[in-house]
C-alpha atoms as a PDB file:
ATOM      1  CA  MET A   1       0.000   0.000   0.000  1.00  0.00           C
ATOM      2  CA  SER A   2       1.408   3.389  -1.015  1.00  0.00           C
ATOM      3  CA  MET A   3       1.305   6.314   1.412  1.00  0.00           C
ATOM      4  CA  PRO A   4       0.796   9.869   0.070  1.00  0.00           C
ATOM      5  CA  ASN A   5       3.060  12.492   1.616  1.00  0.00           C
ATOM      6  CA  ASP A   6       0.163  14.040   3.495  1.00  0.00           C
ATOM      7  CA  ALA A   7      -0.926  10.665   4.829  1.00  0.00           C
ATOM      8  CA  GLU A   8       1.936  10.376   7.312  1.00  0.00           C
ATOM      9  CA  PRO A   9       0.641   9.710  10.843  1.00  0.00           C
ATOM     10  CA  LYS A  10       0.595  12.735  13.091  1.00  0.00           C
ATOM     11  CA  LYS A  11       2.281  12.726  16.467  1.00  0.00           C
ATOM     12  CA  SER A  12      -0.106  12.663  19.380  1.00  0.00           C
ATOM     13  CA  ARG A  13      -0.367  15.814  21.446  1.00  0.00           C
ATOM     14  CA  SER A  14       0.818  15.889  25.022  1.00  0.00           C
ATOM     15  CA  PHE A  15      -1.535  16.707  27.874  1.00  0.00           C
ATOM     16  CA  THR A  16       1.300  18.274  29.908  1.00  0.00           C
ATOM     17  CA  GLY A  17       0.031  21.256  31.865  1.00  0.00           C
ATOM     18  CA  ILE A  18      -3.624  20.187  31.736  1.00  0.00           C
ATOM     19  CA  GLY A  19      -5.259  19.173  34.993  1.00  0.00           C
ATOM     20  CA  PRO A  20      -6.056  15.474  35.498  1.00  0.00           C
ATOM     21  CA  ILE A  21      -9.805  16.001  35.293  1.00  0.00           C
ATOM     22  CA  LEU A  22      -9.594  18.005  32.069  1.00  0.00           C
ATOM     23  CA  ALA A  23      -7.191  15.487  30.547  1.00  0.00           C
ATOM     24  CA  ALA A  24      -9.525  12.623  31.397  1.00  0.00           C
ATOM     25  CA  SER A  25     -12.453  14.511  29.895  1.00  0.00           C
ATOM     26  CA  VAL A  26     -10.551  15.078  26.661  1.00  0.00           C
ATOM     27  CA  LEU A  27      -9.763  11.372  26.425  1.00  0.00           C
ATOM     28  CA  VAL A  28     -13.385  10.417  26.971  1.00  0.00           C
ATOM     29  CA  LEU A  29     -14.579  12.899  24.353  1.00  0.00           C
ATOM     30  CA  ALA A  30     -11.988  11.634  21.868  1.00  0.00           C
ATOM     31  CA  SER A  31     -13.081   8.051  22.443  1.00  0.00           C
ATOM     32  CA  LEU A  32     -16.734   8.905  21.951  1.00  0.00           C
ATOM     33  CA  TYR A  33     -15.930  10.705  18.725  1.00  0.00           C
ATOM     34  CA  ALA A  34     -13.761   7.884  17.388  1.00  0.00           C
ATOM     35  CA  PHE A  35     -16.350   5.197  18.054  1.00  0.00           C
ATOM     36  CA  GLY A  36     -19.414   7.088  16.919  1.00  0.00           C
ATOM     37  CA  GLY A  37     -20.755   8.469  20.198  1.00  0.00           C
ATOM     38  CA  PHE A  38     -21.092  11.949  18.701  1.00  0.00           C
ATOM     39  CA  GLY A  39     -22.307  10.877  15.297  1.00  0.00           C
ATOM     40  CA  ASN A  40     -20.742   8.725  12.673  1.00  0.00           C
ATOM     41  CA  LEU A  41     -18.312  10.085  10.095  1.00  0.00           C
ATOM     42  CA  PHE A  42     -20.197   8.033   7.517  1.00  0.00           C
ATOM     43  CA  GLY A  43     -23.427   9.949   8.010  1.00  0.00           C
ATOM     44  CA  GLY A  44     -25.173   8.124  10.846  1.00  0.00           C
ATOM     45  CA  LYS A  45     -26.999   9.926  13.642  1.00  0.00           C
ATOM     46  CA  ALA A  46     -25.371  10.415  17.010  1.00  0.00           C
ATOM     47  CA  GLY A  47     -25.371   7.179  18.944  1.00  0.00           C
ATOM     48  CA  GLY A  48     -27.491   5.555  16.239  1.00  0.00           C
ATOM     49  CA  THR A  49     -27.142   2.241  14.503  1.00  0.00           C
ATOM     50  CA  GLY A  50     -27.362   3.393  10.909  1.00  0.00           C
ATOM     51  CA  GLY A  51     -31.153   3.161  10.592  1.00  0.00           C
ATOM     52  CA  ALA A  52     -30.913   4.305   6.967  1.00  0.00           C
ATOM     53  CA  CYS A  53     -28.824   1.213   6.237  1.00  0.00           C
ATOM     54  CA  THR A  54     -30.919  -1.539   7.793  1.00  0.00           C
ATOM     55  CA  THR A  55     -30.960  -3.626   4.616  1.00  0.00           C
ATOM     56  CA  ALA A  56     -27.182  -3.417   4.256  1.00  0.00           C
ATOM     57  CA  THR A  57     -26.664  -4.269   7.916  1.00  0.00           C
ATOM     58  CA  THR A  58     -28.639  -7.518   7.528  1.00  0.00           C
ATOM     59  CA  LYS A  59     -26.105  -8.649   4.901  1.00  0.00           C
ATOM     60  CA  LEU A  60     -23.007  -8.080   6.996  1.00  0.00           C
ATOM     61  CA  PRO A  61     -23.087 -11.359   8.984  1.00  0.00           C
ATOM     62  CA  THR A  62     -23.161 -13.255   5.682  1.00  0.00           C
ATOM     63  CA  LEU A  63     -20.376 -11.185   4.141  1.00  0.00           C
ATOM     64  CA  LYS A  64     -17.982 -11.285   7.080  1.00  0.00           C
ATOM     65  CA  PRO A  65     -16.941 -14.976   6.721  1.00  0.00           C
ATOM     66  CA  LEU A  66     -16.446 -14.441   2.983  1.00  0.00           C
ATOM     67  CA  ALA A  67     -13.604 -11.984   3.621  1.00  0.00           C
ATOM     68  CA  LYS A  68     -11.009 -14.710   3.218  1.00  0.00           C
ATOM     69  CA  GLY A  69      -8.225 -15.920   0.972  1.00  0.00           C
ATOM     70  CA  GLU A  70      -7.226 -13.238  -1.527  1.00  0.00           C
ATOM     71  CA  VAL A  71      -9.638 -10.734   0.038  1.00  0.00           C
ATOM     72  CA  ALA A  72      -8.947 -11.638   3.680  1.00  0.00           C
ATOM     73  CA  ALA A  73      -7.949  -8.012   4.364  1.00  0.00           C
ATOM     74  CA  LEU A  74     -11.461  -6.764   3.588  1.00  0.00           C
ATOM     75  CA  GLN A  75     -13.007  -5.125   6.645  1.00  0.00           C
ATOM     76  CA  VAL A  76     -16.739  -5.698   7.183  1.00  0.00           C
ATOM     77  CA  PRO A  77     -18.265  -3.291   9.734  1.00  0.00           C
ATOM     78  CA  GLU A  78     -20.538  -4.424  12.531  1.00  0.00           C
ATOM     79  CA  VAL A  79     -23.181  -1.922  11.412  1.00  0.00           C
ATOM     80  CA  SER A  80     -23.544  -0.403   7.956  1.00  0.00           C
ATOM     81  CA  LYS A  81     -23.828   3.373   7.692  1.00  0.00           C
ATOM     82  CA  PRO A  82     -24.084   5.846   4.799  1.00  0.00           C
ATOM     83  CA  VAL A  83     -20.828   6.702   3.062  1.00  0.00           C
ATOM     84  CA  VAL A  84     -19.849  10.363   3.271  1.00  0.00           C
ATOM     85  CA  PRO A  85     -20.816  12.490   0.227  1.00  0.00           C
ATOM     86  CA  LEU A  86     -18.135  12.191  -2.452  1.00  0.00           C
ATOM     87  CA  GLN A  87     -17.664  13.950  -5.779  1.00  0.00           C
ATOM     88  CA  PHE A  88     -15.451  13.303  -8.794  1.00  0.00           C
ATOM     89  CA  GLU A  89     -15.494  13.629 -12.583  1.00  0.00           C
ATOM     90  CA  ASN A  90     -16.828  11.274 -15.225  1.00  0.00           C
ATOM     91  CA  THR A  91     -15.190  10.572 -18.562  1.00  0.00           C
ATOM     92  CA  LYS A  92     -16.653  13.835 -19.973  1.00  0.00           C
ATOM     93  CA  GLY A  93     -15.139  15.899 -17.178  1.00  0.00           C
ATOM     94  CA  GLU A  94     -18.547  16.486 -15.587  1.00  0.00           C
ATOM     95  CA  THR A  95     -18.770  16.545 -11.790  1.00  0.00           C
ATOM     96  CA  ILE A  96     -20.855  13.699 -10.402  1.00  0.00           C
ATOM     97  CA  SER A  97     -21.451  12.275  -6.941  1.00  0.00           C
ATOM     98  CA  LEU A  98     -22.186   8.900  -5.390  1.00  0.00           C
ATOM     99  CA  ALA A  99     -25.862   9.742  -5.770  1.00  0.00           C
ATOM    100  CA  ALA A 100     -25.437   9.134  -9.507  1.00  0.00           C
ATOM    101  CA  PHE A 101     -24.999   5.436  -8.724  1.00  0.00           C
ATOM    102  CA  LYS A 102     -28.064   5.077  -6.535  1.00  0.00           C
ATOM    103  CA  GLY A 103     -29.767   1.756  -7.206  1.00  0.00           C
ATOM    104  CA  ARG A 104     -26.499  -0.051  -8.006  1.00  0.00           C
ATOM    105  CA  THR A 105     -23.902  -1.721  -5.839  1.00  0.00           C
ATOM    106  CA  ILE A 106     -20.474  -0.238  -6.594  1.00  0.00           C
ATOM    107  CA  LEU A 107     -16.892  -1.120  -5.817  1.00  0.00           C
ATOM    108  CA  LEU A 108     -15.322   2.325  -5.364  1.00  0.00           C
ATOM    109  CA  ASN A 109     -11.571   2.193  -5.928  1.00  0.00           C
ATOM    110  CA  LEU A 110      -9.113   5.090  -5.618  1.00  0.00           C
ATOM    111  CA  TRP A 111      -5.959   4.697  -7.686  1.00  0.00           C
ATOM    112  CA  ALA A 112      -3.050   6.674  -9.130  1.00  0.00           C
ATOM    113  CA  THR A 113      -0.293   6.025 -11.638  1.00  0.00           C
ATOM    114  CA  TRP A 114       2.375   6.806  -9.018  1.00  0.00           C
ATOM    115  CA  CYS A 115       0.972   4.009  -6.816  1.00  0.00           C
ATOM    116  CA  VAL A 116       2.598   0.705  -7.802  1.00  0.00           C
ATOM    117  CA  PRO A 117       0.021  -1.551  -6.031  1.00  0.00           C
ATOM    118  CA  CYS A 118      -2.744   0.429  -7.763  1.00  0.00           C
ATOM    119  CA  ARG A 119      -1.217  -0.151 -11.175  1.00  0.00           C
ATOM    120  CA  LEU A 120      -0.891  -3.878 -10.512  1.00  0.00           C
ATOM    121  CA  GLU A 121      -4.542  -4.372  -9.544  1.00  0.00           C
ATOM    122  CA  MET A 122      -6.126  -2.427 -12.414  1.00  0.00           C
ATOM    123  CA  PRO A 123      -6.303  -5.456 -14.781  1.00  0.00           C
ATOM    124  CA  ALA A 124      -8.064  -7.462 -12.047  1.00  0.00           C
ATOM    125  CA  LEU A 125     -10.577  -4.669 -11.467  1.00  0.00           C
ATOM    126  CA  ASP A 126     -11.171  -4.595 -15.215  1.00  0.00           C
ATOM    127  CA  LYS A 127     -11.863  -8.351 -15.201  1.00  0.00           C
ATOM    128  CA  LEU A 128     -14.222  -8.008 -12.248  1.00  0.00           C
ATOM    129  CA  GLN A 129     -16.186  -5.359 -14.145  1.00  0.00           C
ATOM    130  CA  LYS A 130     -16.377  -7.587 -17.209  1.00  0.00           C
ATOM    131  CA  GLU A 131     -17.491 -10.528 -15.053  1.00  0.00           C
ATOM    132  CA  LEU A 132     -20.148  -8.851 -12.915  1.00  0.00           C
ATOM    133  CA  GLY A 133     -20.649  -5.356 -14.291  1.00  0.00           C
ATOM    134  CA  GLY A 134     -24.110  -4.340 -15.460  1.00  0.00           C
ATOM    135  CA  LYS A 135     -27.251  -2.569 -14.306  1.00  0.00           C
ATOM    136  CA  ASP A 136     -26.803  -3.853 -10.739  1.00  0.00           C
ATOM    137  CA  PHE A 137     -23.048  -3.469 -10.251  1.00  0.00           C
ATOM    138  CA  GLU A 138     -20.134  -1.320 -11.391  1.00  0.00           C
ATOM    139  CA  VAL A 139     -16.465  -1.020 -10.544  1.00  0.00           C
ATOM    140  CA  VAL A 140     -15.965   2.734 -10.114  1.00  0.00           C
ATOM    141  CA  ALA A 141     -12.205   3.287 -10.311  1.00  0.00           C
ATOM    142  CA  VAL A 142     -11.386   6.944  -9.601  1.00  0.00           C
ATOM    143  CA  ASN A 143      -7.945   8.186 -10.594  1.00  0.00           C
ATOM    144  CA  ILE A 144      -6.446  10.862  -8.303  1.00  0.00           C
ATOM    145  CA  ASP A 145      -3.371  11.906 -10.296  1.00  0.00           C
ATOM    146  CA  THR A 146      -2.978  15.651  -9.823  1.00  0.00           C
ATOM    147  CA  ARG A 147      -0.614  16.207 -12.756  1.00  0.00           C
ATOM    148  CA  ASN A 148      -0.752  15.366 -16.461  1.00  0.00           C
ATOM    149  CA  PRO A 149      -4.415  14.277 -16.780  1.00  0.00           C
ATOM    150  CA  GLU A 150      -3.672  12.272 -19.916  1.00  0.00           C
ATOM    151  CA  LYS A 151      -1.149  10.017 -18.179  1.00  0.00           C
ATOM    152  CA  PRO A 152      -3.671   7.743 -16.409  1.00  0.00           C
ATOM    153  CA  ARG A 153      -5.770   7.409 -19.568  1.00  0.00           C
ATOM    154  CA  GLN A 154      -2.676   6.454 -21.532  1.00  0.00           C
ATOM    155  CA  PHE A 155      -1.665   3.954 -18.851  1.00  0.00           C
ATOM    156  CA  LEU A 156      -5.050   2.196 -18.987  1.00  0.00           C
ATOM    157  CA  LYS A 157      -4.811   2.057 -22.766  1.00  0.00           C
ATOM    158  CA  GLU A 158      -1.313   0.563 -22.616  1.00  0.00           C
ATOM    159  CA  ILE A 159      -2.414  -2.278 -20.308  1.00  0.00           C
ATOM    160  CA  ASN A 160      -5.589  -2.914 -22.339  1.00  0.00           C
ATOM    161  CA  VAL A 161      -8.091  -1.981 -19.621  1.00  0.00           C
ATOM    162  CA  GLU A 162     -11.296  -1.639 -21.608  1.00  0.00           C
ATOM    163  CA  GLY A 163     -14.146  -2.550 -19.258  1.00  0.00           C
ATOM    164  CA  LEU A 164     -13.809   0.299 -16.777  1.00  0.00           C
ATOM    165  CA  ALA A 165     -15.454   3.674 -17.279  1.00  0.00           C
ATOM    166  CA  TYR A 166     -12.971   6.491 -16.637  1.00  0.00           C
ATOM    167  CA  TYR A 167     -13.468   8.545 -13.479  1.00  0.00           C
ATOM    168  CA  ALA A 168     -11.035  11.047 -11.997  1.00  0.00           C
ATOM    169  CA  ASP A 169     -10.523  13.626  -9.291  1.00  0.00           C
ATOM    170  CA  PRO A 170      -7.514  15.742 -10.327  1.00  0.00           C
ATOM    171  CA  LYS A 171      -7.630  17.596  -7.006  1.00  0.00           C
ATOM    172  CA  ALA A 172      -7.644  14.340  -5.000  1.00  0.00           C
ATOM    173  CA  ARG A 173     -10.343  15.694  -2.701  1.00  0.00           C
ATOM    174  CA  ILE A 174     -12.080  12.320  -2.676  1.00  0.00           C
ATOM    175  CA  PHE A 175      -9.039  10.835  -0.918  1.00  0.00           C
ATOM    176  CA  GLN A 176      -9.014  13.635   1.647  1.00  0.00           C
ATOM    177  CA  ASP A 177     -12.744  13.220   2.296  1.00  0.00           C
ATOM    178  CA  LEU A 178     -12.367   9.480   2.862  1.00  0.00           C
ATOM    179  CA  LYS A 179      -9.257  10.056   4.939  1.00  0.00           C
ATOM    180  CA  ALA A 180     -11.221  12.410   7.205  1.00  0.00           C
ATOM    181  CA  ALA A 181     -13.877   9.705   7.514  1.00  0.00           C
ATOM    182  CA  GLY A 182     -11.326   7.098   8.553  1.00  0.00           C
ATOM    183  CA  ARG A 183     -11.502   5.132   5.303  1.00  0.00           C
ATOM    184  CA  ALA A 184      -8.347   6.174   3.444  1.00  0.00           C
ATOM    185  CA  PHE A 185      -4.996   5.277   4.971  1.00  0.00           C
ATOM    186  CA  GLY A 186      -2.966   4.939   1.794  1.00  0.00           C
ATOM    187  CA  MET A 187      -3.355   3.828  -1.802  1.00  0.00           C
ATOM    188  CA  PRO A 188      -5.180   1.984  -3.180  1.00  0.00           C
ATOM    189  CA  THR A 189      -8.346   2.490  -1.132  1.00  0.00           C
ATOM    190  CA  THR A 190     -11.491   0.507  -1.901  1.00  0.00           C
ATOM    191  CA  LEU A 191     -15.079   0.531  -0.586  1.00  0.00           C
ATOM    192  CA  LEU A 192     -17.981  -1.742  -1.454  1.00  0.00           C
ATOM    193  CA  ILE A 193     -21.177   0.330  -1.351  1.00  0.00           C
ATOM    194  CA  ASP A 194     -24.755  -0.927  -1.623  1.00  0.00           C
ATOM    195  CA  PRO A 195     -27.525   0.583  -3.827  1.00  0.00           C
ATOM    196  CA  ALA A 196     -28.641   2.897  -1.002  1.00  0.00           C
ATOM    197  CA  GLY A 197     -25.132   4.342  -0.549  1.00  0.00           C
ATOM    198  CA  CYS A 198     -24.371   2.253   2.545  1.00  0.00           C
ATOM    199  CA  GLU A 199     -20.984   0.754   3.317  1.00  0.00           C
ATOM    200  CA  LEU A 200     -20.659  -3.034   3.079  1.00  0.00           C
ATOM    201  CA  ALA A 201     -16.883  -3.391   3.301  1.00  0.00           C
ATOM    202  CA  TYR A 202     -13.650  -1.452   2.891  1.00  0.00           C
ATOM    203  CA  LEU A 203     -10.022  -2.259   2.196  1.00  0.00           C
ATOM    204  CA  ALA A 204      -6.734  -0.424   2.627  1.00  0.00           C
ATOM    205  CA  GLY A 205      -4.330  -1.876   0.074  1.00  0.00           C
ATOM    206  CA  PRO A 206      -4.571  -4.039  -3.058  1.00  0.00           C
ATOM    207  CA  ALA A 207      -6.434  -7.297  -3.631  1.00  0.00           C
ATOM    208  CA  GLU A 208      -6.904  -9.894  -6.346  1.00  0.00           C
ATOM    209  CA  TRP A 209     -10.276  -8.591  -7.474  1.00  0.00           C
ATOM    210  CA  ALA A 210     -10.618 -11.067 -10.326  1.00  0.00           C
ATOM    211  CA  GLY A 211     -10.120 -14.081  -8.073  1.00  0.00           C
ATOM    212  CA  ALA A 212     -12.788 -16.503  -6.881  1.00  0.00           C
ATOM    213  CA  ASP A 213     -12.792 -15.055  -3.355  1.00  0.00           C
ATOM    214  CA  ALA A 214     -13.455 -11.503  -4.562  1.00  0.00           C
ATOM    215  CA  ILE A 215     -16.099 -12.562  -7.054  1.00  0.00           C
ATOM    216  CA  GLY A 216     -17.823 -14.669  -4.400  1.00  0.00           C
ATOM    217  CA  PHE A 217     -17.823 -11.751  -1.976  1.00  0.00           C
ATOM    218  CA  VAL A 218     -19.318  -9.356  -4.510  1.00  0.00           C
ATOM    219  CA  ARG A 219     -21.923 -11.902  -5.627  1.00  0.00           C
ATOM    220  CA  ALA A 220     -23.018 -12.293  -2.007  1.00  0.00           C
ATOM    221  CA  ALA A 221     -23.283  -8.520  -1.698  1.00  0.00           C
ATOM    222  CA  LEU A 222     -25.469  -8.426  -4.817  1.00  0.00           C
ATOM    223  CA  ALA A 223     -27.785 -11.213  -3.664  1.00  0.00           C
ATOM    224  CA  LYS A 224     -31.239 -10.011  -2.632  1.00  0.00           C
ATOM    225  CA  ASP A 225     -31.368 -12.824  -0.114  1.00  0.00           C
ATOM    226  CA  PRO A 226     -28.024 -12.565   1.737  1.00  0.00           C
ATOM    227  CA  ALA A 227     -28.215 -16.249   2.602  1.00  0.00           C
ATOM    228  CA  LYS A 228     -28.301 -17.184  -1.096  1.00  0.00           C
ATOM    229  CA  PRO A 229     -25.398 -15.548  -2.982  1.00  0.00           C
END
């Protein structure tokens, strides 16, 4: 997994000079924020259980054991919640948002030409799109190169990636938005999102998306009856 320069971990602040009671209060508040006590970074209500994502949440117990083999690093949350609003550009350079994909399950993948693991997994993402892509599912690979906008297009052409629609965010704001939401730690970054915009799984790092494990996981996510992928 590649780490952008601005993705370096920050040093924790010292509580030196703060009274014990105040320091303890700060720690409690930080814990509540981190674990959703003051609202979820993915759009849930304070202290809630993602009521808007009830359907997605019912699938999670079925998906969790399928995060194995070549997709063992996939993280399946305990409760599904709405993904933060995200915007990027389509192949025409028009600004679109996740709302444009409402009604379809999507595998949102952030990639860049300077990210070696990203480059290596693009053919597999292309194969996954060709295998399962359609009216119910799409691999949405968003390039975040900030220089030379033609470079990523040329790269995809050189490696014969033909099944993926081209999406880009030349300002890389989508990475920053996901980073702020605790879902982008480096590159590549991938989220599986249901038709209602709810998170089903996320992954920091590459995976073999064309393998049997990945295809089985996505098929289970697409199944109307989570018990029958």
